[in-house]
Amino acid sequence: VHITQGDYEGKAVIISWVTPDEPGSLKVQYGKSEKKYDLTAEGTVSNYSFYKYKSGYIHECLLDGLEVNMLLSIITSSCDESSREFWFQTPPEIHPDAPYKFGIIGDLGQTYNSLSTLQHYMQSGADAVLFVGDLSYSDRYQYNDVGIRWDTWGRFVEQSTAYQPWMWSAGNHEIEFMPYMDEVVPFRNFLHRYPTPYLASKSTNPLWYAIKRASAHIIVLSSYSPFVKYTPQWTWLEEELKKVDREKTPWLIVLMHAPIYNSNEAHFMEGESMRAAFETWFVQYRVDVIFAGHVHAYERSYRISNIQYNVTSGDRYPIPDKSAPVYITVGDGGNQEGLAGSRFLEPQPDYSAFREASYGHSMLEIKNRTHALYHWNRNDDGKKVPTDAFVLHNQYWGGNLRRRKLNKHHLRRTIQPITDKFLLDSE
């Protein structure tokens, strides 16, 4: 069982579950209190084949028109005599000062380190996950084992995904282009199993979409779909950025899989083509932070840009830019391919603020329209260790003193002491 946001503004969820042997009921019963299910929604069911593997019956059900800040209990049925109960909290009303706590996880897989990351994340008290791609790593297997590994991963992450929404983005391990098995349709397993609310943001493809949640406007991009000028993804992003209202959702967050800035030999420069296509927009619209995965290590940049570069200018190095996003790579969830620890380029580039090859996950705790607290947790030693932290100033409200409507001295009184080494202003 897993849930994700089901509309543009956070008043709907998509409930997905799989029954292995028979379709069972298509209905979800839900209500505001345990054991009292006074509302019912009916979904759809489908299945598919991948090579000779046949999936279970995949159910999708939309619960819409939900109230804000409401604890819902839901019950799903696999057949007439079997049902399971779950619960989740709906987000607050969209408001510029709505606090919210996101977890950020990427490249998770299904290993011991994956379990450590997931369980440490679940202790954080976060409200939802922004997932930056590479889910099950099923493409490391062959034939029927590909589909089976999708089943095992779904059961593995259910301990979190059934109780709070995960916002999905696809990575390279979701492509699963396997001609030797006559499987040549990219993202087939992922698209059958993990729906996204793409139509709500006028997207034409489930792999790129946008949502609003609390005080954040979140844009999900696909690193492995066409994105150059005039393609559907490029055209959609151009229109979506125009719709962002920083007066209502001041925090503008972008998710992608391949990082634009990365100082590791692993996947070095793989994000360059997307940087060339979109970086000017990221600076123009003052994106606050961009999260990516792909590189199996953690890295955070300063606010920098390379929009001044062209093939004749000679200015090929990124420069400090207060209008640019902070770029953060969290491809360290726990996959079986291992860490990219020995492959960091030396010396560390000036644009790189902090980097470390350890398994972990990140947290972004939005406090109000001007400030958010960010930290990355190392957990590969079996313990959750906050390792990199800073205060993120909002690009729209925090960057313009005339727009500030809050007293500036309140925030630091709420922060636990952090050493000066890590309490870094993103600007």
Protein backbone atom coordinates (compact mmCIF):
# COMPACT_ATOMS: atom_id res chain seq x y z
CA VAL A 1 0.00 0.00 0.00
CA HIS A 2 1.26 3.48 -0.80
CA ILE A 3 -0.24 6.96 -1.02
CA THR A 4 0.68 10.13 -2.84
CA GLN A 5 -0.89 13.53 -3.38
CA GLY A 6 -3.84 13.29 -5.72
CA ASP A 7 -4.45 16.86 -6.86
CA TYR A 8 -2.74 20.22 -7.33
CA GLU A 9 -3.47 21.76 -3.92
CA GLY A 10 -3.26 18.92 -1.39
CA LYS A 11 -6.94 18.12 -0.86
CA ALA A 12 -6.82 14.68 -2.45
CA VAL A 13 -4.73 11.53 -2.17
CA ILE A 14 -4.22 8.55 -4.45
CA ILE A 15 -4.34 5.25 -2.57
CA SER A 16 -2.59 2.38 -4.36
CA TRP A 17 -2.45 -1.25 -3.30
CA VAL A 18 -1.77 -4.64 -4.86
CA THR A 19 -3.64 -7.89 -4.31
CA PRO A 20 -1.72 -10.94 -5.53
CA ASP A 21 -4.37 -13.52 -6.43
CA GLU A 22 -7.72 -11.88 -7.14
CA PRO A 23 -8.97 -8.32 -7.59
CA GLY A 24 -11.02 -8.17 -4.39
CA SER A 25 -12.95 -5.01 -3.59
CA LEU A 26 -12.35 -1.85 -5.61
CA LYS A 27 -13.54 0.34 -2.74
CA VAL A 28 -11.75 2.23 -0.02
CA GLN A 29 -13.68 3.05 3.13
CA TYR A 30 -12.46 6.00 5.14
CA GLY A 31 -13.45 8.32 7.95
CA LYS A 32 -12.26 10.77 10.59
CA SER A 33 -12.00 8.23 13.39
CA GLU A 34 -10.80 4.68 13.84
CA LYS A 35 -13.39 1.96 13.19
CA LYS A 36 -15.85 4.53 11.81
CA TYR A 37 -15.76 4.49 8.04
CA ASP A 38 -18.65 6.62 6.88
CA LEU A 39 -17.21 7.53 3.47
CA THR A 40 -16.50 5.32 0.48
CA ALA A 41 -14.56 5.82 -2.75
CA GLU A 42 -14.30 3.40 -5.63
CA GLY A 43 -11.16 2.97 -7.69
CA THR A 44 -9.87 1.03 -10.65
CA VAL A 45 -7.88 -2.17 -10.99
CA SER A 46 -5.38 -3.28 -13.60
CA ASN A 47 -2.48 -5.67 -14.09
CA TYR A 48 0.31 -6.10 -16.59
CA SER A 49 3.05 -8.44 -17.72
CA PHE A 50 6.79 -7.82 -17.88
CA TYR A 51 8.59 -10.54 -19.77
CA LYS A 52 6.78 -13.63 -18.35
CA TYR A 53 6.15 -12.05 -14.96
CA LYS A 54 2.49 -11.23 -14.31
CA SER A 55 1.78 -8.54 -11.75
CA GLY A 56 -0.80 -8.70 -9.04
CA TYR A 57 -3.98 -6.67 -9.28
CA ILE A 58 -2.98 -3.03 -8.92
CA HIS A 59 -5.67 -0.82 -7.39
CA GLU A 60 -5.80 2.96 -7.58
CA CYS A 61 -8.39 5.00 -5.73
CA LEU A 62 -8.69 8.79 -5.51
CA LEU A 63 -9.98 10.33 -2.29
CA ASP A 64 -10.76 13.97 -3.06
CA GLY A 65 -12.48 16.90 -1.41
CA LEU A 66 -10.63 16.21 1.84
CA GLU A 67 -10.51 18.67 4.70
CA VAL A 68 -7.18 20.18 5.76
CA ASN A 69 -5.27 19.05 8.86
CA MET A 70 -7.47 15.98 9.20
CA LEU A 71 -6.41 12.55 10.44
CA LEU A 72 -8.04 9.96 8.21
CA SER A 73 -8.38 6.24 8.78
CA ILE A 74 -8.71 4.10 5.66
CA ILE A 75 -9.45 0.46 5.09
CA THR A 76 -8.57 -1.46 1.94
CA SER A 77 -9.82 -4.92 1.03
CA SER A 78 -7.95 -7.62 -0.80
CA CYS A 79 -10.94 -9.94 -0.96
CA ASP A 80 -14.25 -10.40 0.83
CA GLU A 81 -12.73 -11.81 4.01
CA SER A 82 -9.50 -9.78 4.26
CA SER A 83 -8.97 -6.08 4.92
CA ARG A 84 -6.26 -3.79 6.30
CA GLU A 85 -6.40 -0.45 8.10
CA PHE A 86 -4.11 2.56 7.68
CA TRP A 87 -4.20 6.23 8.61
CA PHE A 88 -2.64 9.48 7.46
CA GLN A 89 -2.77 13.24 8.07
CA THR A 90 -3.93 15.65 5.38
CA PRO A 91 -1.75 18.75 4.88
CA PRO A 92 -2.60 22.22 6.21
CA GLU A 93 -4.35 24.84 4.13
CA ILE A 94 -2.11 26.47 1.55
CA HIS A 95 -0.74 29.57 3.26
CA PRO A 96 2.59 31.45 3.06
CA ASP A 97 3.33 30.79 6.73
CA ALA A 98 2.14 27.18 6.90
CA PRO A 99 4.92 25.14 8.55
CA TYR A 100 5.70 21.75 7.06
CA LYS A 101 8.42 19.13 7.35
CA PHE A 102 9.62 17.21 4.30
CA GLY A 103 11.96 14.25 4.22
CA ILE A 104 14.15 13.89 1.14
CA ILE A 105 15.29 10.42 0.10
CA GLY A 106 16.93 9.13 -3.07
CA ASP A 107 18.43 5.96 -4.55
CA LEU A 108 16.93 3.79 -1.83
CA GLY A 109 16.98 0.19 -3.08
CA GLN A 110 16.35 -2.68 -0.69
CA THR A 111 19.42 -3.47 1.40
CA TYR A 112 20.38 -3.32 5.05
CA ASN A 113 21.45 0.29 4.52
CA SER A 114 18.10 1.00 2.84
CA LEU A 115 16.34 -0.26 5.95
CA SER A 116 18.54 1.89 8.16
CA THR A 117 17.71 4.98 6.10
CA LEU A 118 13.99 4.26 6.08
CA GLN A 119 13.72 3.55 9.79
CA HIS A 120 15.82 6.55 10.76
CA TYR A 121 13.67 8.72 8.52
CA MET A 122 10.51 7.39 10.18
CA GLN A 123 11.81 8.63 13.54
CA SER A 124 12.08 12.18 12.25
CA GLY A 125 8.46 13.26 12.59
CA ALA A 126 8.33 14.49 8.99
CA ASP A 127 5.01 14.86 7.20
CA ALA A 128 5.84 13.65 3.68
CA VAL A 129 8.71 12.45 1.49
CA LEU A 130 10.14 14.04 -1.62
CA PHE A 131 11.67 11.07 -3.42
CA VAL A 132 14.30 11.90 -6.05
CA GLY A 133 14.34 8.66 -8.03
CA ASP A 134 15.76 5.11 -8.17
CA LEU A 135 13.28 3.07 -6.19
CA SER A 136 13.69 -0.71 -6.27
CA TYR A 137 16.80 -1.25 -8.42
CA SER A 138 14.90 -4.08 -10.10
CA ASP A 139 16.80 -3.50 -13.33
CA ARG A 140 19.85 -5.11 -11.73
CA TYR A 141 17.98 -8.41 -12.10
CA GLN A 142 16.75 -10.34 -15.12
CA TYR A 143 13.63 -11.96 -16.48
CA ASN A 144 10.88 -12.64 -13.90
CA ASP A 145 13.06 -11.38 -11.06
CA VAL A 146 12.59 -7.81 -12.32
CA GLY A 147 8.89 -7.82 -11.47
CA ILE A 148 9.43 -9.77 -8.26
CA ARG A 149 11.85 -7.12 -6.99
CA TRP A 150 9.20 -4.46 -7.55
CA ASP A 151 6.87 -6.51 -5.34
CA THR A 152 9.44 -6.91 -2.58
CA TRP A 153 10.32 -3.21 -2.64
CA GLY A 154 6.66 -2.24 -2.35
CA ARG A 155 6.30 -4.40 0.75
CA PHE A 156 9.56 -3.04 2.16
CA VAL A 157 8.61 0.67 1.98
CA GLU A 158 4.97 0.15 2.97
CA GLN A 159 5.90 0.81 6.62
CA SER A 160 6.13 4.49 5.62
CA THR A 161 4.38 4.88 2.26
CA ALA A 162 1.06 3.59 3.59
CA TYR A 163 0.93 6.24 6.31
CA GLN A 164 2.13 9.42 4.62
CA PRO A 165 2.44 10.61 1.02
CA TRP A 166 5.60 10.09 -0.96
CA MET A 167 5.98 12.36 -3.99
CA TRP A 168 7.63 10.29 -6.70
CA SER A 169 10.19 11.15 -9.36
CA ALA A 170 11.78 8.62 -11.69
CA GLY A 171 15.48 7.81 -11.97
CA ASN A 172 17.61 5.92 -14.46
CA HIS A 173 16.91 2.60 -12.73
CA GLU A 174 13.22 3.04 -13.53
CA ILE A 175 13.86 3.14 -17.32
CA GLU A 176 14.21 -0.65 -17.61
CA PHE A 177 14.87 -0.73 -21.35
CA MET A 178 15.59 -4.44 -21.83
CA PRO A 179 15.51 -5.50 -25.49
CA TYR A 180 16.89 -8.98 -24.70
CA MET A 181 13.58 -9.58 -22.90
CA ASP A 182 11.54 -7.80 -25.60
CA GLU A 183 10.82 -5.04 -23.06
CA VAL A 184 11.44 -1.77 -24.90
CA VAL A 185 8.86 0.61 -23.36
CA PRO A 186 10.71 2.81 -20.84
CA PHE A 187 9.44 3.21 -17.24
CA ARG A 188 6.84 0.46 -17.69
CA ASN A 189 6.95 -1.02 -14.19
CA PHE A 190 7.18 2.39 -12.52
CA LEU A 191 4.25 3.89 -14.43
CA HIS A 192 1.99 0.92 -13.71
CA ARG A 193 2.72 0.98 -9.99
CA TYR A 194 3.36 4.57 -8.91
CA PRO A 195 0.74 7.07 -10.12
CA THR A 196 1.27 10.82 -9.95
CA PRO A 197 -1.25 13.71 -10.13
CA TYR A 198 0.20 14.98 -13.39
CA LEU A 199 -3.10 15.95 -15.02
CA ALA A 200 -3.86 18.35 -12.17
CA SER A 201 -0.92 20.53 -13.20
CA LYS A 202 -1.74 20.27 -16.92
CA SER A 203 1.20 17.96 -17.58
CA THR A 204 0.94 15.51 -20.45
CA ASN A 205 3.11 12.86 -18.81
CA PRO A 206 3.19 11.26 -15.32
CA LEU A 207 6.98 11.68 -15.17
CA TRP A 208 6.84 15.47 -14.76
CA TYR A 209 4.27 17.37 -12.73
CA ALA A 210 3.78 19.93 -9.96
CA ILE A 211 1.91 20.16 -6.67
CA LYS A 212 1.30 22.69 -3.93
CA ARG A 213 1.59 21.56 -0.32
CA ALA A 214 1.37 23.83 2.73
CA SER A 215 3.66 26.77 1.82
CA ALA A 216 5.60 24.97 -0.94
CA HIS A 217 5.24 24.75 -4.69
CA ILE A 218 7.02 21.56 -5.78
CA ILE A 219 8.04 20.85 -9.37
CA VAL A 220 9.09 17.34 -10.39
CA LEU A 221 11.19 16.96 -13.55
CA SER A 222 12.25 13.90 -15.53
CA SER A 223 15.98 13.71 -16.24
CA TYR A 224 15.44 10.87 -18.73
CA SER A 225 12.63 12.28 -20.86
CA PRO A 226 13.10 14.84 -23.64
CA PHE A 227 13.48 18.34 -22.18
CA VAL A 228 15.19 20.45 -24.82
CA LYS A 229 13.44 23.45 -26.35
CA TYR A 230 9.88 22.88 -27.60
CA THR A 231 9.57 19.37 -26.18
CA PRO A 232 6.47 18.66 -24.02
CA GLN A 233 8.44 18.81 -20.75
CA TRP A 234 10.15 22.10 -21.70
CA THR A 235 6.84 23.65 -22.78
CA TRP A 236 5.08 22.50 -19.62
CA LEU A 237 7.81 23.82 -17.29
CA GLU A 238 7.77 27.20 -19.00
CA GLU A 239 4.05 27.52 -18.26
CA GLU A 240 4.22 26.02 -14.77
CA LEU A 241 6.86 28.49 -13.58
CA LYS A 242 4.63 31.35 -14.67
CA LYS A 243 1.85 30.00 -12.42
CA VAL A 244 3.93 29.97 -9.24
CA ASP A 245 2.51 32.50 -6.76
CA ARG A 246 5.16 33.24 -4.13
CA GLU A 247 2.64 35.32 -2.16
CA LYS A 248 0.73 32.09 -1.43
CA THR A 249 3.42 29.40 -1.75
CA PRO A 250 6.71 31.20 -1.11
CA TRP A 251 8.88 28.06 -1.19
CA LEU A 252 9.76 26.91 -4.71
CA ILE A 253 11.35 23.44 -4.74
CA VAL A 254 12.46 21.40 -7.75
CA LEU A 255 13.13 17.64 -7.84
CA MET A 256 15.15 15.81 -10.48
CA HIS A 257 17.31 12.71 -10.56
CA ALA A 258 20.58 13.65 -12.26
CA PRO A 259 22.26 16.53 -10.37
CA ILE A 260 23.14 19.70 -12.24
CA TYR A 261 26.14 20.43 -10.00
CA ASN A 262 28.21 17.47 -8.83
CA SER A 263 31.90 17.23 -7.89
CA ASN A 264 32.08 13.44 -8.03
CA GLU A 265 33.54 11.42 -10.90
CA ALA A 266 30.43 9.26 -10.65
CA HIS A 267 27.94 10.67 -13.17
CA PHE A 268 30.04 13.81 -13.56
CA MET A 269 28.43 16.31 -15.98
CA GLU A 270 25.43 14.07 -16.69
CA GLY A 271 23.15 16.92 -15.65
CA GLU A 272 24.84 19.45 -17.91
CA SER A 273 22.27 19.28 -20.70
CA MET A 274 19.42 19.96 -18.26
CA ARG A 275 21.45 22.80 -16.75
CA ALA A 276 21.81 24.34 -20.20
CA ALA A 277 18.08 23.98 -20.83
CA PHE A 278 16.68 25.17 -17.50
CA GLU A 279 19.23 26.99 -15.31
CA THR A 280 18.30 30.42 -16.64
CA TRP A 281 14.71 29.80 -15.56
CA PHE A 282 15.80 28.54 -12.14
CA VAL A 283 17.64 31.81 -11.56
CA GLN A 284 14.95 34.00 -13.13
CA TYR A 285 12.21 32.53 -10.94
CA ARG A 286 14.50 32.38 -7.88
CA VAL A 287 14.06 28.69 -7.08
CA ASP A 288 14.92 28.10 -3.42
CA VAL A 289 16.43 24.62 -3.57
CA ILE A 290 16.87 21.79 -6.08
CA PHE A 291 17.12 18.21 -4.84
CA ALA A 292 18.66 15.43 -6.94
CA GLY A 293 19.96 11.89 -6.48
CA HIS A 294 21.88 9.58 -8.84
CA VAL A 295 25.34 10.11 -7.29
CA HIS A 296 25.68 7.74 -4.34
CA ALA A 297 26.95 10.37 -1.95
CA TYR A 298 25.78 13.58 -0.31
CA GLU A 299 26.71 17.05 -1.53
CA ARG A 300 25.42 20.60 -1.04
CA SER A 301 26.34 23.64 -3.09
CA TYR A 302 26.37 27.32 -2.37
CA ARG A 303 24.06 29.57 -4.38
CA ILE A 304 25.86 29.59 -7.72
CA SER A 305 25.05 29.75 -11.41
CA ASN A 306 26.77 29.31 -14.73
CA ILE A 307 24.26 31.18 -16.90
CA GLN A 308 26.95 33.61 -18.01
CA TYR A 309 28.76 30.80 -19.87
CA ASN A 310 28.52 30.24 -23.61
CA VAL A 311 30.86 28.69 -26.12
CA THR A 312 32.58 32.01 -26.84
CA SER A 313 32.59 33.79 -23.46
CA GLY A 314 35.31 31.74 -21.84
CA ASP A 315 33.60 32.13 -18.41
CA ARG A 316 33.26 28.40 -17.89
CA TYR A 317 33.24 28.33 -14.09
CA PRO A 318 30.16 28.78 -11.86
CA ILE A 319 30.07 32.02 -9.90
CA PRO A 320 28.23 33.08 -6.71
CA ASP A 321 24.69 34.14 -7.53
CA LYS A 322 22.21 35.16 -4.80
CA SER A 323 19.31 34.59 -7.19
CA ALA A 324 20.29 30.97 -7.82
CA PRO A 325 19.07 27.84 -6.01
CA VAL A 326 20.98 25.76 -3.52
CA TYR A 327 21.72 22.39 -5.19
CA ILE A 328 21.61 19.33 -2.94
CA THR A 329 22.41 15.75 -3.95
CA VAL A 330 20.95 12.98 -1.77
CA GLY A 331 21.64 9.84 -3.79
CA ASP A 332 22.68 8.03 -0.62
CA GLY A 333 19.58 6.11 0.44
CA GLY A 334 21.15 2.65 0.60
CA ASN A 335 21.30 0.90 -2.76
CA GLN A 336 23.41 -2.21 -3.39
CA GLU A 337 25.74 -0.49 -5.87
CA GLY A 338 27.66 1.08 -3.01
CA LEU A 339 28.89 4.58 -2.22
CA ALA A 340 30.91 6.85 -4.49
CA GLY A 341 33.26 7.69 -1.66
CA SER A 342 36.63 7.49 -3.32
CA ARG A 343 35.58 9.38 -6.43
CA PHE A 344 35.20 12.97 -5.25
CA LEU A 345 37.20 15.34 -7.43
CA GLU A 346 40.09 17.06 -5.68
CA PRO A 347 40.45 19.80 -4.73
CA GLN A 348 36.85 20.40 -3.69
CA PRO A 349 35.37 23.02 -6.07
CA ASP A 350 34.55 26.46 -4.70
CA TYR A 351 30.84 25.96 -5.42
CA SER A 352 30.69 22.86 -3.19
CA ALA A 353 29.81 23.74 0.41
CA PHE A 354 29.77 20.25 1.95
CA ARG A 355 30.15 16.69 0.68
CA GLU A 356 30.45 13.24 2.20
CA ALA A 357 30.00 9.70 0.93
CA SER A 358 27.77 8.12 3.56
CA TYR A 359 24.29 6.66 3.56
CA GLY A 360 21.61 9.00 4.84
CA HIS A 361 18.61 11.21 4.21
CA SER A 362 17.72 14.90 4.45
CA MET A 363 15.07 16.97 6.20
CA LEU A 364 13.63 20.33 5.17
CA GLU A 365 11.58 21.91 7.93
CA ILE A 366 9.75 24.99 6.68
CA LYS A 367 9.12 27.37 9.58
CA ASN A 368 7.38 30.29 7.87
CA ARG A 369 7.60 32.33 4.68
CA THR A 370 11.15 33.53 5.32
CA HIS A 371 13.09 30.65 6.91
CA ALA A 372 13.45 26.90 6.78
CA LEU A 373 15.81 24.58 8.64
CA TYR A 374 17.68 21.98 6.62
CA HIS A 375 19.86 19.11 7.76
CA TRP A 376 21.35 15.94 6.37
CA ASN A 377 21.57 12.86 8.57
CA ARG A 378 24.32 10.28 8.21
CA ASN A 379 23.09 6.81 9.16
CA ASP A 380 25.47 4.28 7.63
CA ASP A 381 27.03 3.52 11.01
CA GLY A 382 23.67 2.37 12.40
CA LYS A 383 22.98 5.66 14.14
CA LYS A 384 21.18 8.77 12.96
CA VAL A 385 23.78 11.54 13.11
CA PRO A 386 22.84 15.11 12.02
CA THR A 387 25.93 16.05 10.03
CA ASP A 388 25.28 19.04 7.75
CA ALA A 389 22.83 21.81 8.63
CA PHE A 390 22.04 25.37 7.66
CA VAL A 391 19.25 27.94 7.68
CA LEU A 392 17.67 28.36 4.25
CA HIS A 393 16.46 31.89 3.53
CA ASN A 394 13.49 32.12 1.22
CA GLN A 395 14.39 33.65 -2.13
CA TYR A 396 11.19 35.69 -2.43
CA TRP A 397 10.40 36.88 1.12
CA GLY A 398 13.75 36.48 2.82
CA GLY A 399 15.56 38.15 -0.06
CA ASN A 400 13.53 41.36 -0.04
CA LEU A 401 13.39 43.28 3.24
CA ARG A 402 10.40 45.29 2.08
CA ARG A 403 8.32 42.09 1.87
CA ARG A 404 9.14 40.85 5.35
CA LYS A 405 6.15 40.93 7.68
CA LEU A 406 7.60 38.83 10.51
CA ASN A 407 9.97 39.76 13.32
CA LYS A 408 13.41 38.57 12.34
CA HIS A 409 14.60 37.66 15.83
CA HIS A 410 12.08 34.90 16.52
CA LEU A 411 13.70 32.08 14.54
CA ARG A 412 17.06 31.71 16.24
CA ARG A 413 15.43 31.34 19.62
CA THR A 414 13.83 28.10 18.39
CA ILE A 415 17.00 26.52 17.00
CA GLN A 416 19.08 24.12 19.03
CA PRO A 417 22.75 25.18 19.11
CA ILE A 418 24.63 24.09 16.01
CA THR A 419 28.33 24.57 15.55
CA ASP A 420 29.36 27.48 13.37
CA LYS A 421 30.97 25.00 11.01
CA PHE A 422 27.56 23.79 9.86
CA LEU A 423 25.19 26.70 10.58
CA LEU A 424 25.71 28.24 7.18
CA ASP A 425 23.45 30.77 5.56
CA SER A 426 22.62 29.43 2.11
CA GLU A 427 23.32 32.84 0.64
